[in-house]
Amino acid sequence: MKNRTLTIVVSAALTVVILLAAVYLLFGMNKKPARTMSLDSPDGIYTAYVVENPSLDPPNQSLFLSKTGSDEFRLVEDLPEDIELVKQIFWSPDSRKVVFSTNWYLIITDVGSFSSRKISLNPDWWKWNKNMKTFSSSARAVEMKELHFIGSDTLLYRTDQMEQTEKICL
C-alpha cells in the first residue's frame, strides 16, 4: 500500500513539473528581454531604446535611456502590459529631450534631469471586463502624423485624430 501511494505522489508531482515546463517553453517565458527599437541621440552620447519583456500576452514594454559605449542606463517607464506599445522614438536636435510615441501617449523625458511628462494622444477610456480582473481598451489606433522640435523648448505634434497641430512648451 505504501509503494502504491508513493508511486501516485511521485507521478502526480512529475506530471505537474512536466506541465509547468511545457507552459514555460510554449509561451516563451524562457526568453530574455529583447531590444525591439532604439535610436541614438543626434550628438551620439545617448541611446533611447525599447525592451520587450517576456509575456503570455504581449506587448510588455519598458523604455530606457543609456549612455553610448558604457554600461550606464536608466529606466524611463514601464508601459501597461497588453495595452500600450511604442510606435516611434524622437530626439530633440540638441539631444536634451527624447520622446517616446506610443499608441496612447507622448512620453517626453529630459535627459539631464530624467523628469518625464506624458501627453495623452488617445481620448478613449479603458474598460473593466465583467470579471473585474481584466480590462480592455478600444481598438482605436492613433498614428503620429507630425512631430518636430522648434529649438530645444517647443514641440509641435499632430496625430491622425487631430485637425490642427498642438504646441507644447517644454
N, C-alpha and C. Protein backbone atom coordinates (compact mmCIF):
# COMPACT_ATOMS: atom_id res chain seq x y z
N MET A 1 0.81 -1.19 0.00
CA MET A 1 0.00 0.00 0.00
C MET A 1 0.86 1.27 0.00
N LYS A 2 1.97 1.23 0.80
CA LYS A 2 2.85 2.40 0.86
C LYS A 2 3.50 2.66 -0.50
N ASN A 3 3.91 1.58 -1.19
CA ASN A 3 4.53 1.74 -2.51
C ASN A 3 3.56 2.34 -3.51
N ARG A 4 2.30 1.96 -3.45
CA ARG A 4 1.29 2.49 -4.36
C ARG A 4 1.06 3.98 -4.11
N THR A 5 0.95 4.36 -2.85
CA THR A 5 0.77 5.77 -2.50
C THR A 5 1.98 6.59 -2.94
N LEU A 6 3.16 6.08 -2.70
CA LEU A 6 4.38 6.77 -3.11
C LEU A 6 4.44 6.92 -4.63
N THR A 7 4.06 5.89 -5.34
CA THR A 7 4.04 5.95 -6.81
C THR A 7 3.05 7.00 -7.30
N ILE A 8 1.89 7.08 -6.68
CA ILE A 8 0.89 8.07 -7.07
C ILE A 8 1.40 9.49 -6.81
N VAL A 9 2.00 9.72 -5.67
CA VAL A 9 2.51 11.06 -5.31
C VAL A 9 3.63 11.46 -6.26
N VAL A 10 4.57 10.55 -6.52
CA VAL A 10 5.67 10.86 -7.43
C VAL A 10 5.14 11.12 -8.84
N SER A 11 4.20 10.32 -9.30
CA SER A 11 3.62 10.51 -10.63
C SER A 11 2.90 11.85 -10.74
N ALA A 12 2.15 12.21 -9.73
CA ALA A 12 1.45 13.50 -9.74
C ALA A 12 2.44 14.65 -9.75
N ALA A 13 3.49 14.56 -8.94
CA ALA A 13 4.50 15.63 -8.90
C ALA A 13 5.20 15.76 -10.24
N LEU A 14 5.58 14.65 -10.85
CA LEU A 14 6.24 14.69 -12.16
C LEU A 14 5.32 15.26 -13.23
N THR A 15 4.05 14.91 -13.18
CA THR A 15 3.08 15.45 -14.14
C THR A 15 2.98 16.96 -14.02
N VAL A 16 2.91 17.47 -12.81
CA VAL A 16 2.84 18.92 -12.60
C VAL A 16 4.10 19.60 -13.11
N VAL A 17 5.26 19.04 -12.82
CA VAL A 17 6.53 19.62 -13.27
C VAL A 17 6.58 19.63 -14.80
N ILE A 18 6.19 18.54 -15.44
CA ILE A 18 6.21 18.48 -16.90
C ILE A 18 5.24 19.48 -17.51
N LEU A 19 4.05 19.62 -16.95
CA LEU A 19 3.08 20.60 -17.46
C LEU A 19 3.59 22.02 -17.29
N LEU A 20 4.17 22.34 -16.15
CA LEU A 20 4.72 23.68 -15.94
C LEU A 20 5.87 23.96 -16.91
N ALA A 21 6.72 22.98 -17.14
CA ALA A 21 7.83 23.15 -18.08
C ALA A 21 7.29 23.37 -19.50
N ALA A 22 6.27 22.63 -19.88
CA ALA A 22 5.67 22.79 -21.21
C ALA A 22 5.08 24.19 -21.38
N VAL A 23 4.35 24.65 -20.40
CA VAL A 23 3.78 26.01 -20.46
C VAL A 23 4.88 27.05 -20.53
N TYR A 24 5.91 26.88 -19.73
CA TYR A 24 7.05 27.79 -19.70
C TYR A 24 7.70 27.90 -21.07
N LEU A 25 7.91 26.78 -21.73
CA LEU A 25 8.55 26.77 -23.04
C LEU A 25 7.61 27.19 -24.16
N LEU A 26 6.37 26.74 -24.13
CA LEU A 26 5.42 27.06 -25.20
C LEU A 26 5.08 28.54 -25.26
N PHE A 27 4.94 29.17 -24.13
CA PHE A 27 4.54 30.58 -24.11
C PHE A 27 5.72 31.53 -24.08
N GLY A 28 6.92 31.02 -24.26
CA GLY A 28 8.09 31.89 -24.40
C GLY A 28 8.56 32.52 -23.11
N MET A 29 8.18 31.98 -21.98
CA MET A 29 8.60 32.60 -20.72
C MET A 29 10.08 32.33 -20.43
N ASN A 30 10.72 31.49 -21.24
CA ASN A 30 12.14 31.22 -21.07
C ASN A 30 13.00 32.23 -21.84
N LYS A 31 12.38 33.12 -22.57
CA LYS A 31 13.11 34.09 -23.36
C LYS A 31 13.59 35.24 -22.48
N LYS A 32 14.67 35.86 -22.93
CA LYS A 32 15.20 37.03 -22.24
C LYS A 32 14.55 38.27 -22.85
N PRO A 33 14.53 39.36 -22.10
CA PRO A 33 14.04 40.60 -22.69
C PRO A 33 14.85 40.95 -23.95
N ALA A 34 14.16 41.47 -24.96
CA ALA A 34 14.82 41.78 -26.23
C ALA A 34 14.61 43.25 -26.59
N ARG A 35 15.64 43.86 -27.10
CA ARG A 35 15.55 45.25 -27.56
C ARG A 35 14.81 45.25 -28.90
N THR A 36 13.69 45.98 -28.96
CA THR A 36 12.89 45.98 -30.18
C THR A 36 13.05 47.24 -31.02
N MET A 37 13.52 48.31 -30.41
CA MET A 37 13.65 49.57 -31.12
C MET A 37 14.69 50.41 -30.39
N SER A 38 15.52 51.12 -31.13
CA SER A 38 16.47 52.03 -30.49
C SER A 38 16.80 53.17 -31.45
N LEU A 39 17.22 54.29 -30.86
CA LEU A 39 17.61 55.45 -31.65
C LEU A 39 18.67 56.22 -30.88
N ASP A 40 19.80 56.48 -31.54
CA ASP A 40 20.86 57.27 -30.92
C ASP A 40 20.52 58.74 -30.96
N SER A 41 20.98 59.47 -29.96
CA SER A 41 20.77 60.91 -29.92
C SER A 41 21.59 61.57 -31.03
N PRO A 42 21.18 62.76 -31.48
CA PRO A 42 21.93 63.43 -32.55
C PRO A 42 23.41 63.65 -32.23
N ASP A 43 23.73 63.88 -30.94
CA ASP A 43 25.14 64.08 -30.58
C ASP A 43 25.88 62.77 -30.33
N GLY A 44 25.17 61.64 -30.38
CA GLY A 44 25.78 60.33 -30.23
C GLY A 44 26.12 59.92 -28.81
N ILE A 45 25.76 60.72 -27.83
CA ILE A 45 26.11 60.43 -26.43
C ILE A 45 25.14 59.43 -25.80
N TYR A 46 23.86 59.45 -26.22
CA TYR A 46 22.84 58.62 -25.59
C TYR A 46 22.14 57.73 -26.62
N THR A 47 21.51 56.69 -26.11
CA THR A 47 20.64 55.83 -26.91
C THR A 47 19.33 55.67 -26.16
N ALA A 48 18.24 55.91 -26.85
CA ALA A 48 16.91 55.64 -26.30
C ALA A 48 16.47 54.32 -26.91
N TYR A 49 15.94 53.41 -26.06
CA TYR A 49 15.55 52.12 -26.60
C TYR A 49 14.36 51.52 -25.86
N VAL A 50 13.74 50.55 -26.53
CA VAL A 50 12.55 49.86 -26.02
C VAL A 50 12.90 48.40 -25.85
N VAL A 51 12.52 47.84 -24.69
CA VAL A 51 12.76 46.43 -24.41
C VAL A 51 11.41 45.73 -24.31
N GLU A 52 11.28 44.61 -25.02
CA GLU A 52 10.09 43.76 -24.92
C GLU A 52 10.39 42.67 -23.92
N ASN A 53 9.64 42.65 -22.81
CA ASN A 53 9.83 41.65 -21.77
C ASN A 53 8.98 40.42 -22.08
N PRO A 54 9.43 39.23 -21.69
CA PRO A 54 8.64 38.02 -21.93
C PRO A 54 7.25 38.15 -21.29
N SER A 55 6.25 37.68 -22.01
CA SER A 55 4.88 37.85 -21.55
C SER A 55 3.97 36.83 -22.21
N LEU A 56 2.95 36.38 -21.48
CA LEU A 56 1.96 35.50 -22.08
C LEU A 56 1.11 36.24 -23.10
N ASP A 57 0.92 37.54 -22.88
CA ASP A 57 0.05 38.34 -23.74
C ASP A 57 0.73 39.67 -24.05
N PRO A 58 1.68 39.69 -25.01
CA PRO A 58 2.40 40.92 -25.30
C PRO A 58 1.49 41.98 -25.89
N PRO A 59 1.90 43.23 -25.94
CA PRO A 59 3.21 43.75 -25.61
C PRO A 59 3.41 43.93 -24.10
N ASN A 60 4.67 43.93 -23.70
CA ASN A 60 5.07 44.19 -22.32
C ASN A 60 6.40 44.94 -22.40
N GLN A 61 6.32 46.24 -22.65
CA GLN A 61 7.50 47.02 -22.99
C GLN A 61 7.96 47.93 -21.85
N SER A 62 9.27 48.17 -21.85
CA SER A 62 9.89 49.13 -20.94
C SER A 62 10.75 50.07 -21.77
N LEU A 63 10.83 51.33 -21.34
CA LEU A 63 11.57 52.35 -22.07
C LEU A 63 12.84 52.70 -21.29
N PHE A 64 13.96 52.81 -22.00
CA PHE A 64 15.24 53.06 -21.35
C PHE A 64 16.03 54.14 -22.06
N LEU A 65 16.95 54.74 -21.32
CA LEU A 65 17.99 55.62 -21.86
C LEU A 65 19.32 55.05 -21.40
N SER A 66 20.32 55.08 -22.26
CA SER A 66 21.65 54.63 -21.86
C SER A 66 22.69 55.58 -22.43
N LYS A 67 23.85 55.58 -21.78
CA LYS A 67 24.98 56.33 -22.30
C LYS A 67 25.69 55.43 -23.29
N THR A 68 25.90 55.91 -24.50
CA THR A 68 26.51 55.13 -25.55
C THR A 68 27.93 54.71 -25.15
N GLY A 69 28.23 53.44 -25.35
CA GLY A 69 29.57 52.94 -25.07
C GLY A 69 29.86 52.68 -23.60
N SER A 70 28.84 52.72 -22.75
CA SER A 70 29.05 52.45 -21.32
C SER A 70 27.97 51.47 -20.85
N ASP A 71 28.08 51.06 -19.60
CA ASP A 71 27.07 50.17 -19.04
C ASP A 71 26.06 50.93 -18.19
N GLU A 72 26.02 52.25 -18.32
CA GLU A 72 25.09 53.08 -17.56
C GLU A 72 23.77 53.24 -18.32
N PHE A 73 22.66 53.04 -17.61
CA PHE A 73 21.35 53.18 -18.24
C PHE A 73 20.36 53.65 -17.19
N ARG A 74 19.18 54.02 -17.66
CA ARG A 74 18.12 54.50 -16.77
C ARG A 74 16.77 54.05 -17.32
N LEU A 75 15.91 53.53 -16.44
CA LEU A 75 14.54 53.18 -16.81
C LEU A 75 13.71 54.46 -16.88
N VAL A 76 13.05 54.67 -17.99
CA VAL A 76 12.18 55.83 -18.16
C VAL A 76 10.76 55.50 -17.74
N GLU A 77 10.26 54.34 -18.21
CA GLU A 77 8.85 53.99 -17.95
C GLU A 77 8.62 52.52 -18.25
N ASP A 78 7.77 51.88 -17.44
CA ASP A 78 7.22 50.56 -17.73
C ASP A 78 5.82 50.78 -18.28
N LEU A 79 5.56 50.34 -19.49
CA LEU A 79 4.24 50.55 -20.10
C LEU A 79 3.26 49.48 -19.61
N PRO A 80 1.97 49.81 -19.57
CA PRO A 80 0.98 48.80 -19.17
C PRO A 80 0.96 47.63 -20.15
N GLU A 81 1.07 46.45 -19.61
CA GLU A 81 1.10 45.24 -20.43
C GLU A 81 -0.22 45.07 -21.17
N ASP A 82 -0.16 44.54 -22.37
CA ASP A 82 -1.30 44.25 -23.25
C ASP A 82 -1.88 45.49 -23.92
N ILE A 83 -1.65 46.66 -23.40
CA ILE A 83 -2.38 47.85 -23.83
C ILE A 83 -1.51 48.81 -24.65
N GLU A 84 -0.34 49.13 -24.15
CA GLU A 84 0.44 50.22 -24.74
C GLU A 84 1.75 49.71 -25.35
N LEU A 85 2.10 50.27 -26.52
CA LEU A 85 3.36 49.93 -27.16
C LEU A 85 3.93 51.14 -27.88
N VAL A 86 5.25 51.17 -27.98
CA VAL A 86 5.95 52.29 -28.61
C VAL A 86 5.87 52.17 -30.12
N LYS A 87 5.55 53.28 -30.75
CA LYS A 87 5.48 53.34 -32.21
C LYS A 87 6.75 53.97 -32.80
N GLN A 88 7.26 55.06 -32.15
CA GLN A 88 8.42 55.78 -32.65
C GLN A 88 9.18 56.43 -31.50
N ILE A 89 10.45 56.73 -31.77
CA ILE A 89 11.29 57.48 -30.84
C ILE A 89 11.79 58.70 -31.59
N PHE A 90 11.78 59.86 -30.91
CA PHE A 90 12.26 61.11 -31.48
C PHE A 90 13.25 61.77 -30.51
N TRP A 91 14.24 62.44 -31.04
CA TRP A 91 15.19 63.22 -30.23
C TRP A 91 15.09 64.69 -30.61
N SER A 92 15.28 65.55 -29.62
CA SER A 92 15.40 66.98 -29.92
C SER A 92 16.75 67.19 -30.61
N PRO A 93 16.89 68.22 -31.42
CA PRO A 93 18.15 68.44 -32.14
C PRO A 93 19.36 68.60 -31.22
N ASP A 94 19.14 69.14 -30.01
CA ASP A 94 20.26 69.34 -29.07
C ASP A 94 20.48 68.14 -28.14
N SER A 95 19.75 67.06 -28.35
CA SER A 95 19.87 65.81 -27.57
C SER A 95 19.50 65.94 -26.11
N ARG A 96 18.78 67.00 -25.75
CA ARG A 96 18.39 67.19 -24.34
C ARG A 96 17.06 66.52 -24.01
N LYS A 97 16.23 66.25 -25.01
CA LYS A 97 14.92 65.64 -24.79
C LYS A 97 14.75 64.45 -25.73
N VAL A 98 14.11 63.41 -25.20
CA VAL A 98 13.74 62.26 -26.01
C VAL A 98 12.24 62.06 -25.86
N VAL A 99 11.58 61.70 -26.96
CA VAL A 99 10.14 61.49 -26.97
C VAL A 99 9.86 60.07 -27.44
N PHE A 100 9.15 59.32 -26.60
CA PHE A 100 8.67 58.00 -26.98
C PHE A 100 7.20 58.18 -27.35
N SER A 101 6.86 57.89 -28.59
CA SER A 101 5.48 58.00 -29.05
C SER A 101 4.85 56.62 -28.99
N THR A 102 3.80 56.47 -28.15
CA THR A 102 3.10 55.19 -28.03
C THR A 102 1.74 55.32 -28.68
N ASN A 103 0.96 54.27 -28.62
CA ASN A 103 -0.40 54.34 -29.16
C ASN A 103 -1.34 55.08 -28.21
N TRP A 104 -0.86 55.48 -27.02
CA TRP A 104 -1.69 56.23 -26.06
C TRP A 104 -1.10 57.57 -25.65
N TYR A 105 0.22 57.68 -25.62
CA TYR A 105 0.85 58.88 -25.07
C TYR A 105 2.08 59.30 -25.85
N LEU A 106 2.46 60.56 -25.62
CA LEU A 106 3.82 61.02 -25.88
C LEU A 106 4.48 61.04 -24.51
N ILE A 107 5.60 60.38 -24.37
CA ILE A 107 6.35 60.39 -23.11
C ILE A 107 7.62 61.18 -23.38
N ILE A 108 7.67 62.38 -22.84
CA ILE A 108 8.76 63.32 -23.10
C ILE A 108 9.68 63.31 -21.88
N THR A 109 10.95 62.99 -22.11
CA THR A 109 11.90 62.88 -20.99
C THR A 109 13.08 63.80 -21.20
N ASP A 110 13.40 64.55 -20.15
CA ASP A 110 14.59 65.40 -20.12
C ASP A 110 15.77 64.52 -19.74
N VAL A 111 16.78 64.46 -20.60
CA VAL A 111 17.90 63.56 -20.38
C VAL A 111 18.74 63.98 -19.18
N GLY A 112 18.85 65.26 -18.91
CA GLY A 112 19.66 65.74 -17.79
C GLY A 112 19.04 65.47 -16.42
N SER A 113 17.73 65.68 -16.31
CA SER A 113 17.06 65.54 -15.01
C SER A 113 16.25 64.26 -14.88
N PHE A 114 16.02 63.56 -15.98
CA PHE A 114 15.19 62.36 -16.05
C PHE A 114 13.74 62.62 -15.66
N SER A 115 13.33 63.86 -15.67
CA SER A 115 11.92 64.14 -15.43
C SER A 115 11.15 63.85 -16.72
N SER A 116 9.97 63.26 -16.56
CA SER A 116 9.17 62.90 -17.72
C SER A 116 7.80 63.55 -17.66
N ARG A 117 7.24 63.73 -18.81
CA ARG A 117 5.90 64.31 -18.95
C ARG A 117 5.13 63.47 -19.95
N LYS A 118 3.87 63.20 -19.63
CA LYS A 118 3.02 62.42 -20.53
C LYS A 118 1.95 63.30 -21.13
N ILE A 119 1.77 63.17 -22.42
CA ILE A 119 0.72 63.87 -23.14
C ILE A 119 -0.19 62.80 -23.75
N SER A 120 -1.46 62.85 -23.42
CA SER A 120 -2.40 61.86 -23.92
C SER A 120 -2.70 62.09 -25.40
N LEU A 121 -2.65 61.01 -26.18
CA LEU A 121 -2.96 61.08 -27.60
C LEU A 121 -4.30 60.43 -27.92
N ASN A 122 -4.70 59.48 -27.12
CA ASN A 122 -5.91 58.70 -27.38
C ASN A 122 -6.97 59.08 -26.35
N PRO A 123 -8.08 59.65 -26.76
CA PRO A 123 -9.10 60.11 -25.81
C PRO A 123 -9.97 58.99 -25.23
N ASP A 124 -9.82 57.76 -25.71
CA ASP A 124 -10.67 56.67 -25.24
C ASP A 124 -10.31 56.24 -23.82
N TRP A 125 -11.28 55.66 -23.14
CA TRP A 125 -11.11 55.14 -21.79
C TRP A 125 -10.89 53.65 -21.84
N TRP A 126 -10.18 53.13 -20.84
CA TRP A 126 -10.08 51.69 -20.68
C TRP A 126 -11.34 51.22 -19.97
N LYS A 127 -11.65 49.94 -20.10
CA LYS A 127 -12.90 49.43 -19.54
C LYS A 127 -12.66 48.10 -18.83
N TRP A 128 -13.22 47.99 -17.60
CA TRP A 128 -13.13 46.73 -16.87
C TRP A 128 -14.05 45.71 -17.54
N ASN A 129 -13.55 44.49 -17.70
CA ASN A 129 -14.39 43.41 -18.20
C ASN A 129 -15.29 42.91 -17.08
N LYS A 130 -16.27 42.12 -17.40
CA LYS A 130 -17.28 41.70 -16.43
C LYS A 130 -16.70 40.98 -15.22
N ASN A 131 -15.59 40.27 -15.39
CA ASN A 131 -14.99 39.56 -14.27
C ASN A 131 -14.25 40.50 -13.30
N MET A 132 -14.09 41.76 -13.68
CA MET A 132 -13.41 42.79 -12.89
C MET A 132 -11.96 42.43 -12.56
N LYS A 133 -11.40 41.48 -13.29
CA LYS A 133 -9.99 41.11 -13.10
C LYS A 133 -9.14 41.54 -14.29
N THR A 134 -9.77 41.72 -15.43
CA THR A 134 -9.06 42.13 -16.63
C THR A 134 -9.74 43.37 -17.21
N PHE A 135 -9.00 44.06 -18.08
CA PHE A 135 -9.56 45.24 -18.72
C PHE A 135 -9.17 45.25 -20.18
N SER A 136 -9.83 46.09 -20.93
CA SER A 136 -9.52 46.21 -22.35
C SER A 136 -9.60 47.67 -22.74
N SER A 137 -9.05 47.96 -23.90
CA SER A 137 -9.09 49.31 -24.43
C SER A 137 -9.83 49.28 -25.75
N SER A 138 -10.06 50.44 -26.28
CA SER A 138 -10.73 50.49 -27.58
C SER A 138 -9.77 50.00 -28.65
N ALA A 139 -10.28 49.72 -29.77
CA ALA A 139 -9.45 49.28 -30.89
C ALA A 139 -8.92 50.47 -31.69
N ARG A 140 -9.18 51.67 -31.22
CA ARG A 140 -8.74 52.87 -31.93
C ARG A 140 -7.22 52.94 -31.94
N ALA A 141 -6.65 53.03 -33.11
CA ALA A 141 -5.21 53.17 -33.26
C ALA A 141 -4.90 54.62 -33.59
N VAL A 142 -4.05 55.23 -32.82
CA VAL A 142 -3.66 56.61 -33.05
C VAL A 142 -2.27 56.61 -33.68
N GLU A 143 -2.15 57.26 -34.81
CA GLU A 143 -0.88 57.32 -35.53
C GLU A 143 -0.34 58.74 -35.52
N MET A 144 0.94 58.87 -35.27
CA MET A 144 1.61 60.17 -35.28
C MET A 144 1.83 60.59 -36.73
N LYS A 145 1.32 61.75 -37.11
CA LYS A 145 1.48 62.26 -38.47
C LYS A 145 2.62 63.26 -38.57
N GLU A 146 2.86 63.97 -37.46
CA GLU A 146 3.86 65.03 -37.49
C GLU A 146 4.39 65.24 -36.07
N LEU A 147 5.70 65.31 -35.92
CA LEU A 147 6.32 65.66 -34.65
C LEU A 147 7.67 66.27 -34.95
N HIS A 148 7.86 67.49 -34.50
CA HIS A 148 9.17 68.11 -34.64
C HIS A 148 9.37 69.17 -33.56
N PHE A 149 10.63 69.45 -33.30
CA PHE A 149 11.02 70.41 -32.28
C PHE A 149 11.29 71.76 -32.92
N ILE A 150 10.94 72.80 -32.20
CA ILE A 150 11.33 74.16 -32.57
C ILE A 150 12.28 74.60 -31.47
N GLY A 151 13.54 74.66 -31.79
CA GLY A 151 14.54 74.93 -30.76
C GLY A 151 14.59 73.76 -29.78
N SER A 152 14.97 74.06 -28.55
CA SER A 152 15.06 72.99 -27.55
C SER A 152 13.90 73.01 -26.56
N ASP A 153 13.00 74.01 -26.70
CA ASP A 153 11.96 74.13 -25.68
C ASP A 153 10.53 74.07 -26.20
N THR A 154 10.33 73.76 -27.48
CA THR A 154 8.98 73.69 -28.03
C THR A 154 8.84 72.47 -28.94
N LEU A 155 7.73 71.79 -28.77
CA LEU A 155 7.43 70.59 -29.55
C LEU A 155 6.10 70.79 -30.26
N LEU A 156 6.06 70.47 -31.53
CA LEU A 156 4.83 70.50 -32.31
C LEU A 156 4.50 69.07 -32.72
N TYR A 157 3.23 68.69 -32.57
CA TYR A 157 2.83 67.35 -32.99
C TYR A 157 1.39 67.35 -33.47
N ARG A 158 1.09 66.33 -34.30
CA ARG A 158 -0.27 66.12 -34.81
C ARG A 158 -0.45 64.64 -35.08
N THR A 159 -1.59 64.11 -34.66
CA THR A 159 -1.93 62.71 -34.92
C THR A 159 -3.00 62.66 -36.01
N ASP A 160 -3.32 61.45 -36.45
CA ASP A 160 -4.37 61.29 -37.45
C ASP A 160 -5.75 61.60 -36.88
N GLN A 161 -5.86 61.74 -35.55
CA GLN A 161 -7.13 62.08 -34.90
C GLN A 161 -7.30 63.60 -34.71
N MET A 162 -6.29 64.36 -35.08
CA MET A 162 -6.29 65.81 -34.85
C MET A 162 -6.37 66.57 -36.16
N GLU A 163 -7.07 67.70 -36.13
CA GLU A 163 -7.15 68.54 -37.32
C GLU A 163 -6.02 69.56 -37.36
N GLN A 164 -5.60 70.03 -36.17
CA GLN A 164 -4.54 71.04 -36.09
C GLN A 164 -3.37 70.53 -35.27
N THR A 165 -2.22 71.13 -35.52
CA THR A 165 -1.01 70.80 -34.77
C THR A 165 -1.11 71.38 -33.37
N GLU A 166 -0.66 70.59 -32.38
CA GLU A 166 -0.59 71.05 -30.99
C GLU A 166 0.83 71.50 -30.69
N LYS A 167 0.93 72.52 -29.84
CA LYS A 167 2.22 73.07 -29.46
C LYS A 167 2.41 72.83 -27.96
N ILE A 168 3.58 72.29 -27.59
CA ILE A 168 3.91 72.05 -26.18
C ILE A 168 5.18 72.81 -25.86
N CYS A 169 5.12 73.65 -24.84
CA CYS A 169 6.30 74.33 -24.34
C CYS A 169 6.94 73.45 -23.27
N LEU A 170 8.19 73.11 -23.48
CA LEU A 170 8.86 72.17 -22.59
C LEU A 170 9.58 72.84 -21.46
